Amino acid sequence: MQDAPVLLSLNLPDADATDRFGIAMARLLRAGDVLLLEGPIGAGKTHFARALIRARLGGPEDVPSPTFTLVQVYGADPEIWHADLYRLTHPDEAVELGLEEAFDTAICLIEWPERLGDLLPEKALSLQFSLLDAGASRRVLLRGKADWGARLATLGQG
């Protein structure tokens, strides 16, 4: 995804800002959308995913980290797949999880997407989280192709 242009750069000064960003992104997503959540441990990937999932589900759903289960599936319409691929050792393991099919039919949030290797969907949106100010705030760079630019332009509207 490094070759895709930066479509948006956001500073997230605190957890509430990350929540608001997750809620705003939840409104934009539809079946077949894949978000690649990149960045170091503690950069806000799972916090963002929880806010987005809760917004899509419409309530304070328990959203555990998929660190040990690898994938959590939520029954929204469309389904939401939250995957943490940190423990994968080969891209074939992602195929065994059913991710390739989910990329076409669900909303997929993928932490540690580099573990997918050549399975990275070209239509995906990359969210590159980084820590600022000794971890007090975060920055997220959004990179993507296709129609993401036009869709992201609506983030501040409504």
Protein backbone atom coordinates (compact mmCIF):
# COMPACT_ATOMS: atom_id res chain seq x y z
CA MET A 1 0.00 0.00 0.00
CA GLN A 2 3.01 2.28 0.21
CA ASP A 3 2.59 3.09 -3.50
CA ALA A 4 -0.95 4.40 -2.97
CA PRO A 5 -1.27 8.15 -2.45
CA VAL A 6 -1.97 9.66 0.97
CA LEU A 7 -5.60 10.72 0.77
CA LEU A 8 -5.94 12.09 4.28
CA SER A 9 -3.74 12.80 7.30
CA LEU A 10 -5.37 13.20 10.70
CA ASN A 11 -4.02 13.99 14.15
CA LEU A 12 -5.91 12.19 16.90
CA PRO A 13 -4.98 14.01 20.12
CA ASP A 14 -6.76 11.61 22.49
CA ALA A 15 -8.93 8.50 22.79
CA ASP A 16 -12.12 10.51 22.20
CA ALA A 17 -10.78 11.75 18.86
CA THR A 18 -9.98 8.15 17.88
CA ASP A 19 -13.54 7.16 18.84
CA ARG A 20 -15.01 9.97 16.73
CA PHE A 21 -12.84 8.93 13.78
CA GLY A 22 -13.99 5.31 14.11
CA ILE A 23 -17.63 6.40 14.25
CA ALA A 24 -17.21 8.62 11.18
CA MET A 25 -15.51 5.83 9.23
CA ALA A 26 -18.28 3.38 10.19
CA ARG A 27 -20.76 5.52 8.24
CA LEU A 28 -18.69 5.23 5.04
CA LEU A 29 -18.23 1.49 4.88
CA ARG A 30 -20.07 -1.11 2.84
CA ALA A 31 -19.75 -4.78 1.94
CA GLY A 32 -16.40 -5.55 0.35
CA ASP A 33 -14.51 -2.74 2.10
CA VAL A 34 -11.18 -3.74 3.63
CA LEU A 35 -9.32 -1.50 6.08
CA LEU A 36 -5.67 -2.35 6.66
CA LEU A 37 -4.79 -1.16 10.17
CA GLU A 38 -1.02 -0.65 10.30
CA GLY A 39 1.28 0.64 13.00
CA PRO A 40 3.18 -0.41 16.11
CA ILE A 41 1.66 -1.95 19.22
CA GLY A 42 -0.17 0.75 21.17
CA ALA A 43 -0.72 3.04 18.17
CA GLY A 44 -4.54 2.86 18.39
CA LYS A 45 -5.47 0.22 15.83
CA THR A 46 -7.67 -1.88 18.13
CA HIS A 47 -9.17 1.19 19.83
CA PHE A 48 -10.20 2.53 16.41
CA ALA A 49 -11.60 -0.88 15.39
CA ARG A 50 -13.69 -1.11 18.58
CA ALA A 51 -15.20 2.34 18.02
CA LEU A 52 -16.01 1.51 14.40
CA ILE A 53 -17.56 -1.87 15.24
CA ARG A 54 -19.67 -0.43 18.07
CA ALA A 55 -20.90 2.34 15.77
CA ARG A 56 -21.90 -0.18 13.08
CA LEU A 57 -23.66 -2.39 15.65
CA GLY A 58 -25.44 0.57 17.22
CA GLY A 59 -24.47 0.07 20.83
CA PRO A 60 -21.97 -0.75 23.54
CA GLU A 61 -21.18 -4.24 22.26
CA ASP A 62 -18.31 -6.11 23.90
CA VAL A 63 -15.55 -6.00 21.28
CA PRO A 64 -12.61 -8.13 22.42
CA SER A 65 -9.26 -7.95 20.69
CA PRO A 66 -8.85 -10.83 18.22
CA THR A 67 -5.23 -11.32 19.30
CA PHE A 68 -5.78 -14.91 20.40
CA THR A 69 -8.83 -15.89 18.33
CA LEU A 70 -7.27 -14.30 15.18
CA VAL A 71 -10.73 -13.30 13.87
CA GLN A 72 -13.88 -11.96 15.52
CA VAL A 73 -17.01 -11.85 13.34
CA TYR A 74 -19.93 -9.57 14.14
CA GLY A 75 -23.38 -10.17 12.70
CA ALA A 76 -24.11 -6.73 11.36
CA ASP A 77 -25.39 -6.29 7.81
CA PRO A 78 -22.93 -6.75 6.23
CA GLU A 79 -20.86 -8.85 8.62
CA ILE A 80 -17.82 -7.21 10.16
CA TRP A 81 -14.63 -9.27 10.34
CA HIS A 82 -11.95 -7.98 12.74
CA ALA A 83 -8.69 -9.87 12.30
CA ASP A 84 -5.39 -9.63 14.15
CA LEU A 85 -2.82 -11.45 12.04
CA TYR A 86 0.18 -10.82 14.28
CA ARG A 87 0.58 -14.51 15.09
CA LEU A 88 0.36 -15.77 11.48
CA THR A 89 3.55 -17.21 10.07
CA HIS A 90 2.46 -17.58 6.42
CA PRO A 91 -0.19 -15.95 4.18
CA ASP A 92 -1.78 -19.36 3.54
CA GLU A 93 -3.03 -19.27 7.14
CA ALA A 94 -5.17 -16.24 6.22
CA VAL A 95 -6.80 -18.31 3.49
CA GLU A 96 -7.63 -21.00 6.08
CA LEU A 97 -9.38 -18.34 8.17
CA GLY A 98 -11.72 -17.52 5.27
CA LEU A 99 -10.46 -13.98 4.81
CA GLU A 100 -10.32 -14.05 1.01
CA GLU A 101 -14.07 -14.66 0.78
CA ALA A 102 -14.76 -12.12 3.52
CA PHE A 103 -12.88 -9.48 1.52
CA ASP A 104 -15.70 -9.66 -1.06
CA THR A 105 -18.74 -9.94 1.22
CA ALA A 106 -17.98 -8.30 4.57
CA ILE A 107 -16.41 -5.21 6.06
CA CYS A 108 -12.91 -6.34 7.07
CA LEU A 109 -10.64 -4.66 9.60
CA ILE A 110 -7.19 -6.24 9.38
CA GLU A 111 -4.49 -5.60 11.97
CA TRP A 112 -0.95 -6.55 10.94
CA PRO A 113 -1.94 -6.75 7.23
CA GLU A 114 1.66 -7.28 6.09
CA ARG A 115 1.13 -10.91 7.17
CA LEU A 116 -1.20 -11.28 4.16
CA GLY A 117 1.66 -11.05 1.67
CA ASP A 118 0.27 -11.18 -1.88
CA LEU A 119 -3.29 -11.60 -0.56
CA LEU A 120 -3.59 -7.86 0.19
CA PRO A 121 -6.68 -6.63 -1.66
CA GLU A 122 -5.79 -3.87 -4.12
CA LYS A 123 -9.03 -2.02 -3.32
CA ALA A 124 -8.20 -1.81 0.41
CA LEU A 125 -7.73 1.40 2.37
CA SER A 126 -4.58 1.52 4.48
CA LEU A 127 -4.73 3.35 7.81
CA GLN A 128 -1.19 3.88 9.09
CA PHE A 129 -1.29 4.73 12.80
CA SER A 130 1.71 6.27 14.53
CA LEU A 131 2.41 7.63 17.99
CA LEU A 132 3.15 11.32 18.55
CA ASP A 133 4.29 13.28 21.61
CA ALA A 134 5.64 10.27 23.49
CA GLY A 135 2.38 8.39 22.94
CA ALA A 136 -0.06 11.07 24.13
CA SER A 137 -1.57 11.46 20.67
CA ARG A 138 -1.63 9.65 17.36
CA ARG A 139 -1.49 10.40 13.66
CA VAL A 140 -3.19 8.33 11.01
CA LEU A 141 -2.37 8.45 7.31
CA LEU A 142 -5.02 7.06 4.99
CA ARG A 143 -3.79 5.63 1.69
CA GLY A 144 -5.89 4.06 -1.00
CA LYS A 145 -6.93 3.78 -4.58
CA ALA A 146 -10.24 3.47 -6.37
CA ASP A 147 -13.06 5.57 -4.95
CA TRP A 148 -11.61 6.13 -1.47
CA GLY A 149 -10.69 9.77 -2.11
CA ALA A 150 -14.26 10.79 -2.86
CA ARG A 151 -15.64 8.75 0.02
CA LEU A 152 -13.17 10.18 2.53
CA ALA A 153 -14.06 13.70 1.42
CA THR A 154 -17.45 13.17 3.06
CA LEU A 155 -15.96 12.45 6.52
CA GLY A 156 -16.65 15.90 7.89
CA GLN A 157 -20.13 16.17 6.39
CA GLY A 158 -22.95 14.97 8.59
